[in-house]
């Protein structure tokens, strides 16, 4: 007889939501994670009384009321609105690209003037069928915005020239002809009051959690459960049979400053090429902290190599070809479930992870009459 119904590899958001659903259905879950903390990339470290987003800023946003109600049933979310700034050549500009940005650039005051300015630049560029990210971006916002705010930032982020990147990366570029600095257009938006650790702890309540456990060093743990949910790297699960899937990784430099307010906003993107980092995050602003100190982190993008954390999948032709080969193996599995951004080699926003994990759990419950 098995000790557990599910062995869940990864105590991140996907694994935690799945564990919550199965625990509520009366099933026993063992959750393991190679890190020494729960929450995956949502983990917050408390420094000087400030919840620091250890793996980069996370703002929960969605238009789906059921998903919003679900996460709020575990912990209340605040009303944080993400309104980052862009720094270029020593000047600050509003993001996303909106009428404030256009006024700062061209002193235009009406949507019609801004729209005409952008159309003129697009027309001069003359691209009808964009083939890469550079052409796609210019066909949407013109040459000036592209050169100031997109090219340098994107090439730092991906470690490749913009003309070598697929246009799909930037197809959802937000451009607004209003004076609205809210980066997201979703109806619901916020950060958990008290940090994401509280959300994860409540999702995992009732599950057995073992931290500092590397699944690949203890695969025999699979024998303890009837079914395995794997949320780690897909290629690693299959021992890189078809080669490594490629990612971009991130690194962070933290500083505790003896001032109450460093930059006045949660995030400033540095969009020029000469600044080595992509953005500076001031964490206290996510929760409107009034502490007399502040914590900032400088975020830089780097090429992923074994041993580093994998963040963003590089969904180019070569990697998509490898992914198809791995997915053929996935389809042959029984009693193994793959879920989340690493196991599916797909970029997810948090609300999409929650919805996907809930949907998968519901399907399994229905199929097995749990």
Protein backbone atom coordinates (compact mmCIF):
# COMPACT_ATOMS: atom_id res chain seq x y z
CA UNK A 1 0.00 0.00 0.00
CA UNK A 2 1.26 3.47 -0.93
CA UNK A 3 1.90 6.03 1.82
CA UNK A 4 0.62 8.91 -0.33
CA UNK A 5 -1.77 9.43 -3.19
CA UNK A 6 0.44 12.07 -4.82
CA UNK A 7 4.13 12.86 -4.79
CA UNK A 8 4.43 16.48 -5.89
CA UNK A 9 7.88 17.56 -7.08
CA UNK A 10 8.12 21.32 -6.62
CA UNK A 11 6.61 23.49 -3.87
CA UNK A 12 6.00 26.41 -6.21
CA UNK A 13 2.63 27.86 -7.12
CA UNK A 14 1.51 25.07 -9.46
CA UNK A 15 2.44 22.28 -7.06
CA UNK A 16 0.95 24.13 -4.09
CA UNK A 17 -2.41 24.76 -5.77
CA UNK A 18 -2.59 21.15 -6.94
CA UNK A 19 -1.76 19.96 -3.41
CA UNK A 20 -4.51 22.17 -1.96
CA UNK A 21 -7.11 20.79 -4.36
CA UNK A 22 -6.16 17.18 -3.72
CA UNK A 23 -5.94 17.64 0.04
CA UNK A 24 -9.43 19.16 0.01
CA UNK A 25 -10.57 16.10 -1.98
CA UNK A 26 -9.33 13.87 0.83
CA UNK A 27 -6.06 12.77 -0.76
CA UNK A 28 -2.64 12.56 0.92
CA UNK A 29 0.12 14.60 -0.70
CA UNK A 30 3.88 14.57 -0.20
CA UNK A 31 5.45 17.76 -1.56
CA UNK A 32 9.22 17.93 -2.05
CA UNK A 33 11.47 20.74 -3.22
CA UNK A 34 15.21 20.93 -3.76
CA UNK A 35 15.32 24.45 -2.30
CA UNK A 36 15.28 25.09 1.42
CA UNK A 37 12.07 27.10 1.21
CA UNK A 38 8.52 26.79 -0.08
CA UNK A 39 6.99 28.90 -2.81
CA UNK A 40 9.39 28.47 -5.70
CA UNK A 41 10.02 31.82 -7.36
CA UNK A 42 7.27 33.46 -5.29
CA UNK A 43 9.34 33.14 -2.12
CA UNK A 44 9.80 36.34 -0.14
CA UNK A 45 12.67 36.88 2.29
CA UNK A 46 11.99 39.23 5.16
CA UNK A 47 14.81 41.78 5.33
CA UNK A 48 14.59 44.69 7.76
CA UNK A 49 10.87 44.01 8.09
CA UNK A 50 10.34 44.26 4.31
CA UNK A 51 9.08 41.36 2.19
CA UNK A 52 11.70 41.08 -0.53
CA UNK A 53 10.67 39.23 -3.71
CA UNK A 54 13.73 36.98 -3.87
CA UNK A 55 13.28 35.93 -7.49
CA UNK A 56 12.03 39.17 -8.99
CA UNK A 57 8.80 41.16 -8.62
CA UNK A 58 5.50 39.29 -8.74
CA UNK A 59 2.22 41.15 -9.11
CA UNK A 60 -0.89 39.02 -9.31
CA UNK A 61 -3.26 40.23 -12.01
CA UNK A 62 -6.24 38.66 -13.75
CA UNK A 63 -9.61 39.34 -15.33
CA UNK A 64 -10.96 36.03 -14.05
CA UNK A 65 -13.04 36.61 -10.92
CA UNK A 66 -13.01 32.96 -9.91
CA UNK A 67 -9.19 32.91 -9.90
CA UNK A 68 -9.06 36.18 -7.97
CA UNK A 69 -11.61 34.94 -5.43
CA UNK A 70 -9.68 31.69 -5.09
CA UNK A 71 -6.36 33.26 -4.09
CA UNK A 72 -8.12 35.80 -1.87
CA UNK A 73 -9.82 32.95 -0.01
CA UNK A 74 -6.41 32.10 1.46
CA UNK A 75 -4.95 35.56 2.02
CA UNK A 76 -6.23 39.09 1.37
CA UNK A 77 -4.55 40.98 -1.46
CA UNK A 78 -3.82 44.70 -1.39
CA UNK A 79 -4.67 47.17 -4.16
CA UNK A 80 -1.15 47.55 -5.56
CA UNK A 81 -1.10 48.97 -9.10
CA UNK A 82 1.98 48.26 -11.17
CA UNK A 83 3.19 51.54 -12.70
CA UNK A 84 6.89 51.15 -13.56
CA UNK A 85 9.12 53.83 -15.05
CA UNK A 86 11.70 53.63 -17.82
CA UNK A 87 15.11 55.26 -17.49
CA UNK A 88 16.85 56.19 -20.73
CA UNK A 89 19.84 58.49 -21.09
CA UNK A 90 19.30 59.91 -17.60
CA UNK A 91 15.62 60.73 -18.11
CA UNK A 92 12.52 59.01 -16.72
CA UNK A 93 9.44 58.07 -18.75
CA UNK A 94 6.11 56.49 -17.91
CA UNK A 95 5.28 52.89 -18.74
CA UNK A 96 3.40 51.35 -20.39
CA UNK A 97 3.67 53.54 -23.46
CA UNK A 98 0.80 55.99 -23.01
CA UNK A 99 -0.08 59.64 -23.41
CA UNK A 100 2.23 60.60 -20.55
CA UNK A 101 5.12 58.93 -22.40
CA UNK A 102 4.21 60.55 -25.70
CA UNK A 103 3.97 63.98 -24.10
CA UNK A 104 7.38 63.49 -22.48
CA UNK A 105 8.83 62.53 -25.88
CA UNK A 106 7.09 64.79 -28.36
CA UNK A 107 5.01 67.27 -26.28
CA UNK A 108 1.86 66.00 -28.00
CA UNK A 109 -1.27 66.44 -25.90
CA UNK A 110 -3.99 64.57 -27.76
CA UNK A 111 -4.38 60.91 -28.77
CA UNK A 112 -4.76 61.98 -32.39
CA UNK A 113 -1.40 63.77 -32.37
CA UNK A 114 0.35 60.80 -30.73
CA UNK A 115 -1.24 58.31 -33.10
CA UNK A 116 -0.20 60.39 -36.11
CA UNK A 117 3.38 60.63 -34.88
CA UNK A 118 3.63 56.86 -34.46
CA UNK A 119 1.99 56.18 -37.83
CA UNK A 120 4.46 58.48 -39.58
CA UNK A 121 7.40 56.52 -38.16
CA UNK A 122 5.83 53.17 -39.01
CA UNK A 123 5.15 54.33 -42.55
CA UNK A 124 8.74 55.52 -43.03
CA UNK A 125 10.05 52.15 -41.86
CA UNK A 126 7.95 50.42 -44.52
CA UNK A 127 7.58 46.93 -43.01
CA UNK A 128 4.32 45.21 -43.95
CA UNK A 129 4.98 41.62 -42.82
CA UNK A 130 7.24 41.65 -39.73
CA UNK A 131 9.58 38.67 -39.55
CA UNK A 132 11.32 39.22 -36.22
CA UNK A 133 10.99 41.11 -32.94
CA UNK A 134 12.62 44.29 -34.21
CA UNK A 135 10.32 44.55 -37.21
CA UNK A 136 7.27 43.64 -35.13
CA UNK A 137 8.02 46.28 -32.49
CA UNK A 138 8.64 49.07 -35.00
CA UNK A 139 5.47 48.14 -36.88
CA UNK A 140 3.56 48.69 -33.62
CA UNK A 141 5.21 51.74 -31.99
CA UNK A 142 7.55 53.31 -34.55
CA UNK A 143 11.32 53.72 -34.58
CA UNK A 144 11.82 56.23 -31.75
CA UNK A 145 10.07 54.28 -29.01
CA UNK A 146 11.72 51.11 -30.26
CA UNK A 147 15.24 52.55 -30.09
CA UNK A 148 14.74 54.20 -26.70
CA UNK A 149 12.70 51.70 -24.75
CA UNK A 150 12.66 48.30 -26.46
CA UNK A 151 15.86 47.47 -28.28
CA UNK A 152 18.41 47.84 -25.48
CA UNK A 153 16.20 46.34 -22.79
CA UNK A 154 15.19 43.38 -24.95
CA UNK A 155 18.72 42.58 -26.08
CA UNK A 156 19.95 42.68 -22.48
CA UNK A 157 17.07 40.50 -21.38
CA UNK A 158 17.47 37.82 -24.06
CA UNK A 159 21.20 38.05 -24.79
CA UNK A 160 20.48 38.19 -28.52
CA UNK A 161 19.98 40.88 -31.13
CA UNK A 162 16.36 41.95 -31.49
CA UNK A 163 16.45 41.09 -35.19
CA UNK A 164 17.30 37.49 -34.24
CA UNK A 165 14.39 37.05 -31.82
CA UNK A 166 10.92 35.77 -32.78
CA UNK A 167 8.25 38.42 -33.15
CA UNK A 168 5.91 36.45 -30.86
CA UNK A 169 7.85 37.69 -27.80
CA UNK A 170 6.52 41.21 -28.22
CA UNK A 171 3.12 40.71 -29.81
CA UNK A 172 1.33 41.92 -26.65
CA UNK A 173 3.25 45.18 -26.31
CA UNK A 174 0.94 47.54 -24.38
CA UNK A 175 0.36 50.91 -26.07
CA UNK A 176 -2.35 53.20 -24.76
CA UNK A 177 -3.70 56.49 -26.03
CA UNK A 178 -4.77 57.49 -22.52
CA UNK A 179 -3.01 59.03 -19.51
CA UNK A 180 -3.19 55.75 -17.61
CA UNK A 181 0.02 54.47 -16.00
CA UNK A 182 -1.44 51.13 -14.90
CA UNK A 183 0.77 48.59 -16.67
CA UNK A 184 -1.88 45.88 -16.63
CA UNK A 185 -5.37 46.29 -17.98
CA UNK A 186 -6.74 43.43 -15.86
CA UNK A 187 -9.67 44.13 -13.55
CA UNK A 188 -8.07 42.51 -10.50
CA UNK A 189 -4.54 43.28 -9.36
CA UNK A 190 -2.53 43.20 -6.16
CA UNK A 191 0.04 41.59 -3.87
CA UNK A 192 -0.78 39.37 -0.86
CA UNK A 193 -0.86 41.35 2.37
CA UNK A 194 2.09 40.00 4.32
CA UNK A 195 3.78 38.53 1.26
CA UNK A 196 3.46 35.44 -0.92
CA UNK A 197 4.82 33.12 1.76
CA UNK A 198 1.48 33.31 3.55
CA UNK A 199 -0.39 32.28 0.40
CA UNK A 200 1.88 29.28 -0.21
CA UNK A 201 1.75 28.16 3.44
CA UNK A 202 -2.05 28.05 3.36
CA UNK A 203 -2.12 26.24 0.03
CA UNK A 204 0.23 23.57 1.44
CA UNK A 205 -1.57 23.20 4.76
CA UNK A 206 -2.43 19.53 5.27
CA UNK A 207 0.30 18.26 2.92
CA UNK A 208 3.57 16.79 4.11
CA UNK A 209 6.37 19.05 2.88
CA UNK A 210 10.03 18.06 2.71
CA UNK A 211 12.52 20.75 1.72
CA UNK A 212 16.11 20.38 0.55
CA UNK A 213 15.15 17.17 -1.26
CA UNK A 214 16.43 16.70 -4.80
CA UNK A 215 14.06 14.40 -6.69
CA UNK A 216 16.80 13.30 -9.08
CA UNK A 217 18.93 12.11 -6.18
CA UNK A 218 15.98 10.33 -4.56
CA UNK A 219 13.77 9.11 -7.37
CA UNK A 220 12.82 6.16 -5.22
CA UNK A 221 10.44 8.54 -3.44
CA UNK A 222 8.11 7.88 -6.38
CA UNK A 223 7.43 4.49 -4.82
CA UNK A 224 5.72 6.19 -1.87
CA UNK A 225 2.85 7.53 -3.98
CA UNK A 226 0.29 6.28 -6.47
CA UNK A 227 0.81 9.24 -8.80
CA UNK A 228 3.58 11.75 -9.49
CA UNK A 229 3.11 15.44 -10.28
CA UNK A 230 6.32 16.87 -11.71
CA UNK A 231 6.82 20.63 -11.98
CA UNK A 232 10.57 20.72 -12.64
CA UNK A 233 12.49 20.93 -15.91
CA UNK A 234 11.03 18.59 -18.52
CA UNK A 235 14.36 17.78 -20.17
CA UNK A 236 15.93 16.94 -16.82
CA UNK A 237 13.15 14.46 -16.05
CA UNK A 238 14.15 12.55 -19.18
CA UNK A 239 17.88 12.90 -18.45
CA UNK A 240 18.36 15.30 -21.40
CA UNK A 241 17.67 12.53 -23.92
CA UNK A 242 17.15 15.04 -26.72
CA UNK A 243 19.51 17.68 -25.34
CA UNK A 244 19.02 20.69 -23.07
CA UNK A 245 16.05 22.99 -23.51
CA UNK A 246 17.40 26.54 -23.31
CA UNK A 247 16.39 29.25 -20.85
CA UNK A 248 17.35 32.72 -19.78
CA UNK A 249 18.35 33.07 -16.16
CA UNK A 250 18.43 36.05 -13.80
CA UNK A 251 20.75 37.33 -11.11
CA UNK A 252 20.07 39.84 -8.35
CA UNK A 253 22.26 42.19 -6.35
CA UNK A 254 20.63 43.27 -3.08
CA UNK A 255 21.30 46.36 -1.02
CA UNK A 256 19.86 47.53 2.30
CA UNK A 257 19.85 51.33 2.36
CA UNK A 258 19.53 53.56 5.40
CA UNK A 259 16.96 55.79 3.75
CA UNK A 260 13.18 55.53 3.74
CA UNK A 261 12.67 55.84 -0.01
CA UNK A 262 15.21 55.22 -2.79
CA UNK A 263 13.37 55.70 -6.08
CA UNK A 264 9.73 56.40 -5.20
CA UNK A 265 8.36 53.52 -7.28
CA UNK A 266 8.52 49.72 -7.14
CA UNK A 267 10.34 49.23 -10.46
CA UNK A 268 12.44 51.30 -12.85
CA UNK A 269 13.50 49.64 -16.12
CA UNK A 270 16.88 50.67 -17.52
CA UNK A 271 16.32 50.48 -21.25
CA UNK A 272 19.72 51.60 -22.58
CA UNK A 273 22.46 49.13 -23.52
CA UNK A 274 25.21 50.67 -21.38
CA UNK A 275 23.49 49.99 -18.01
CA UNK A 276 24.39 46.37 -17.16
CA UNK A 277 21.18 45.59 -15.29
CA UNK A 278 17.66 45.60 -16.70
CA UNK A 279 15.82 47.07 -13.71
CA UNK A 280 15.97 48.18 -10.09
CA UNK A 281 13.27 46.91 -7.74
CA UNK A 282 12.44 48.70 -4.49
CA UNK A 283 10.47 46.08 -2.61
CA UNK A 284 8.80 48.11 0.11
CA UNK A 285 6.51 49.79 -2.44
CA UNK A 286 4.69 46.52 -3.19
CA UNK A 287 3.13 46.62 0.27
CA UNK A 288 3.22 50.38 0.97
CA UNK A 289 5.77 49.86 3.75
CA UNK A 290 6.66 52.82 5.97
CA UNK A 291 9.91 51.40 7.39
CA UNK A 292 12.77 53.87 7.81
CA UNK A 293 15.05 51.63 5.69
CA UNK A 294 14.61 50.23 2.21
CA UNK A 295 15.80 47.23 0.20
CA UNK A 296 16.59 47.38 -3.50
CA UNK A 297 17.68 44.72 -5.95
CA UNK A 298 19.36 45.19 -9.30
CA UNK A 299 18.15 42.56 -11.73
CA UNK A 300 20.28 41.34 -14.63
CA UNK A 301 19.59 38.74 -17.27
CA UNK A 302 22.11 36.05 -18.16
CA UNK A 303 22.43 32.88 -20.18
CA UNK A 304 21.22 29.79 -18.37
CA UNK A 305 23.75 27.05 -17.67
CA UNK A 306 23.32 23.92 -15.51
CA UNK A 307 23.25 24.88 -11.85
CA UNK A 308 21.49 28.22 -12.42
CA UNK A 309 17.79 28.84 -11.98
CA UNK A 310 15.80 28.56 -15.22
CA UNK A 311 13.39 31.48 -15.71
CA UNK A 312 12.30 32.16 -19.27
CA UNK A 313 12.04 29.46 -21.95
CA UNK A 314 13.58 30.36 -25.29
CA UNK A 315 10.83 29.22 -27.60
CA UNK A 316 12.75 29.37 -30.86
CA UNK A 317 12.64 26.81 -33.66
CA UNK A 318 15.44 24.63 -32.26
CA UNK A 319 13.93 24.41 -28.78
CA UNK A 320 10.42 23.85 -30.08
CA UNK A 321 11.73 20.90 -32.07
CA UNK A 322 13.28 19.40 -28.94
CA UNK A 323 10.09 20.09 -27.00
CA UNK A 324 8.01 18.07 -29.47
CA UNK A 325 10.32 15.11 -28.95
CA UNK A 326 9.99 15.35 -25.18
CA UNK A 327 6.21 15.71 -25.43
CA UNK A 328 6.08 12.40 -27.28
CA UNK A 329 7.58 10.80 -24.18
CA UNK A 330 5.12 12.63 -21.94
CA UNK A 331 2.18 11.20 -23.88
CA UNK A 332 3.39 7.67 -23.16
CA UNK A 333 3.49 8.18 -19.38
CA UNK A 334 0.99 6.74 -16.97
CA UNK A 335 0.57 8.00 -13.40
CA UNK A 336 2.85 10.95 -14.13
CA UNK A 337 1.48 14.49 -14.52
CA UNK A 338 3.55 17.40 -15.84
CA UNK A 339 2.53 20.94 -14.94
CA UNK A 340 3.93 24.47 -14.70
CA UNK A 341 6.31 26.62 -16.68
CA UNK A 342 9.34 24.31 -16.45
CA UNK A 343 7.53 21.01 -17.00
CA UNK A 344 5.57 22.45 -19.93
CA UNK A 345 8.40 24.70 -21.18
CA UNK A 346 5.96 27.58 -21.38
CA UNK A 347 5.83 31.06 -19.91
CA UNK A 348 2.92 31.44 -17.51
CA UNK A 349 1.62 34.40 -15.56
CA UNK A 350 0.58 33.54 -12.01
CA UNK A 351 -3.14 33.60 -12.68
CA UNK A 352 -2.61 31.17 -15.55
CA UNK A 353 -0.67 28.81 -13.28
CA UNK A 354 -3.47 28.85 -10.70
CA UNK A 355 -6.14 28.22 -13.34
CA UNK A 356 -4.11 25.46 -15.00
CA UNK A 357 -3.39 23.62 -11.74
CA UNK A 358 -7.02 23.84 -10.64
CA UNK A 359 -8.21 22.60 -14.02
CA UNK A 360 -5.80 19.66 -13.98
CA UNK A 361 -6.81 18.71 -10.44
CA UNK A 362 -10.51 18.95 -11.28
CA UNK A 363 -10.03 16.72 -14.33
CA UNK A 364 -8.21 14.06 -12.29
CA UNK A 365 -10.85 14.18 -9.58
CA UNK A 366 -13.63 13.72 -12.15
CA UNK A 367 -11.89 10.92 -14.04
CA UNK A 368 -11.14 8.99 -10.87
CA UNK A 369 -14.44 9.76 -9.15
CA UNK A 370 -12.58 11.16 -6.15
